[in-house]
Amino acid sequence: MGTPGGEPDTRNSPVPPTGKEGLKGSLLGPQELDSWLVRTVRALQESMRDVQGRLQSLESMPAPPKQQQRPPSSARPWPLRLSGPTLLFFLLWPFIVQWLVRQFRTQKR
């Protein structure tokens, strides 16, 4: 994989040399660049075939069974599950308490 100097061998790598390697004069020649491009394209094609194979295997799998869905609750437009009287109580109790407090205050005077 590497050269005797400990640096990676970029001739067989699908990644072109960058950074210090380009500054040292190890630029690829036209023939090396062509072979590097061919290897890169082949690697991409192989990877694409692998992805397509996995996609086909996923598509050929049977669909998971659908869970029983409840019918849409068109009768209940309110998202909370409260009965009418309960909802009315929650809306009116502050007014009732305020009225009672006023009644007690007027009786004390």
Protein backbone atom coordinates (compact mmCIF):
# COMPACT_ATOMS: atom_id res chain seq x y z
CA MET A 1 0.00 0.00 0.00
CA GLY A 2 2.72 2.47 0.86
CA THR A 3 6.09 3.37 -0.51
CA PRO A 4 9.30 2.57 1.36
CA GLY A 5 9.35 6.18 2.65
CA GLY A 6 6.08 5.58 4.51
CA GLU A 7 3.89 7.66 2.23
CA PRO A 8 0.80 6.09 0.67
CA ASP A 9 1.01 4.98 -2.94
CA THR A 10 -1.37 7.27 -4.83
CA ARG A 11 -1.03 5.54 -8.19
CA ASN A 12 -3.57 2.83 -7.32
CA SER A 13 -5.77 5.01 -5.13
CA PRO A 14 -9.12 6.26 -6.46
CA VAL A 15 -8.35 9.59 -4.76
CA PRO A 16 -6.04 11.94 -6.66
CA PRO A 17 -2.98 13.25 -4.82
CA THR A 18 -3.51 16.54 -3.01
CA GLY A 19 -1.69 18.82 -0.62
CA LYS A 20 2.03 18.15 -0.11
CA GLU A 21 2.10 15.33 -2.65
CA GLY A 22 1.26 17.73 -5.46
CA LEU A 23 3.96 20.14 -4.30
CA LYS A 24 6.67 17.45 -4.25
CA GLY A 25 6.32 16.90 -7.99
CA SER A 26 4.38 13.63 -7.82
CA LEU A 27 1.72 14.98 -10.18
CA LEU A 28 0.08 12.38 -12.34
CA GLY A 29 1.02 12.25 -15.98
CA PRO A 30 -1.61 12.09 -18.70
CA GLN A 31 -1.43 8.30 -18.95
CA GLU A 32 -1.56 7.85 -15.17
CA LEU A 33 -4.43 10.29 -14.95
CA ASP A 34 -6.34 8.34 -17.60
CA SER A 35 -5.79 5.05 -15.78
CA TRP A 36 -6.76 6.67 -12.48
CA LEU A 37 -9.97 7.97 -14.06
CA VAL A 38 -10.77 4.54 -15.50
CA ARG A 39 -10.25 2.88 -12.09
CA THR A 40 -12.38 5.52 -10.39
CA VAL A 41 -15.21 5.12 -12.90
CA ARG A 42 -15.08 1.33 -12.54
CA ALA A 43 -15.17 1.62 -8.75
CA LEU A 44 -18.16 3.95 -8.99
CA GLN A 45 -19.93 1.59 -11.38
CA GLU A 46 -19.30 -1.35 -9.06
CA SER A 47 -20.59 0.65 -6.12
CA MET A 48 -23.66 1.65 -8.13
CA ARG A 49 -24.36 -1.98 -9.05
CA ASP A 50 -24.12 -2.87 -5.38
CA VAL A 51 -26.57 -0.12 -4.44
CA GLN A 52 -28.98 -1.17 -7.21
CA GLY A 53 -28.81 -4.78 -6.03
CA ARG A 54 -29.62 -3.76 -2.47
CA LEU A 55 -32.46 -1.57 -3.72
CA GLN A 56 -33.93 -4.42 -5.76
CA SER A 57 -33.75 -6.75 -2.78
CA LEU A 58 -35.55 -4.16 -0.64
CA GLU A 59 -38.18 -3.60 -3.30
CA SER A 60 -38.79 -7.33 -3.71
CA MET A 61 -39.37 -7.82 0.02
CA PRO A 62 -43.01 -8.15 1.00
CA ALA A 63 -44.51 -5.05 2.51
CA PRO A 64 -44.92 -5.17 6.28
CA PRO A 65 -48.48 -5.82 7.38
CA LYS A 66 -50.42 -2.64 7.91
CA GLN A 67 -51.67 -2.02 11.39
CA GLN A 68 -55.37 -1.70 11.85
CA GLN A 69 -56.10 1.95 11.59
CA ARG A 70 -59.03 3.53 13.32
CA PRO A 71 -61.54 5.15 11.04
CA PRO A 72 -61.22 8.91 10.99
CA SER A 73 -63.19 10.42 13.80
CA SER A 74 -65.22 12.84 11.76
CA ALA A 75 -67.86 12.89 14.50
CA ARG A 76 -65.34 14.43 16.93
CA PRO A 77 -63.65 17.48 15.48
CA TRP A 78 -62.21 18.36 18.90
CA PRO A 79 -58.84 16.60 19.36
CA LEU A 80 -59.36 16.09 23.11
CA ARG A 81 -61.54 13.23 24.21
CA LEU A 82 -63.84 15.21 26.47
CA SER A 83 -67.57 14.94 26.65
CA GLY A 84 -69.71 18.00 26.09
CA PRO A 85 -70.63 18.54 29.75
CA THR A 86 -67.00 18.14 30.86
CA LEU A 87 -65.82 20.67 28.32
CA LEU A 88 -68.58 23.06 29.37
CA PHE A 89 -67.54 22.68 33.02
CA PHE A 90 -63.89 23.48 32.20
CA LEU A 91 -64.94 26.59 30.33
CA LEU A 92 -67.42 27.90 32.89
CA TRP A 93 -65.88 27.09 36.31
CA PRO A 94 -63.72 30.25 36.53
CA PHE A 95 -66.78 32.42 35.99
CA ILE A 96 -68.81 30.46 38.54
CA VAL A 97 -66.04 30.73 41.15
CA GLN A 98 -65.71 34.47 40.53
CA TRP A 99 -69.49 34.91 40.95
CA LEU A 100 -69.43 32.91 44.21
CA VAL A 101 -66.54 34.97 45.59
CA ARG A 102 -68.43 38.19 44.83
CA GLN A 103 -71.55 36.81 46.53
CA PHE A 104 -69.60 36.00 49.69
CA ARG A 105 -67.99 39.45 49.73
CA THR A 106 -71.30 41.23 49.43
CA GLN A 107 -72.83 39.13 52.22
CA LYS A 108 -69.97 40.03 54.61
CA ARG A 109 -70.55 43.74 54.15
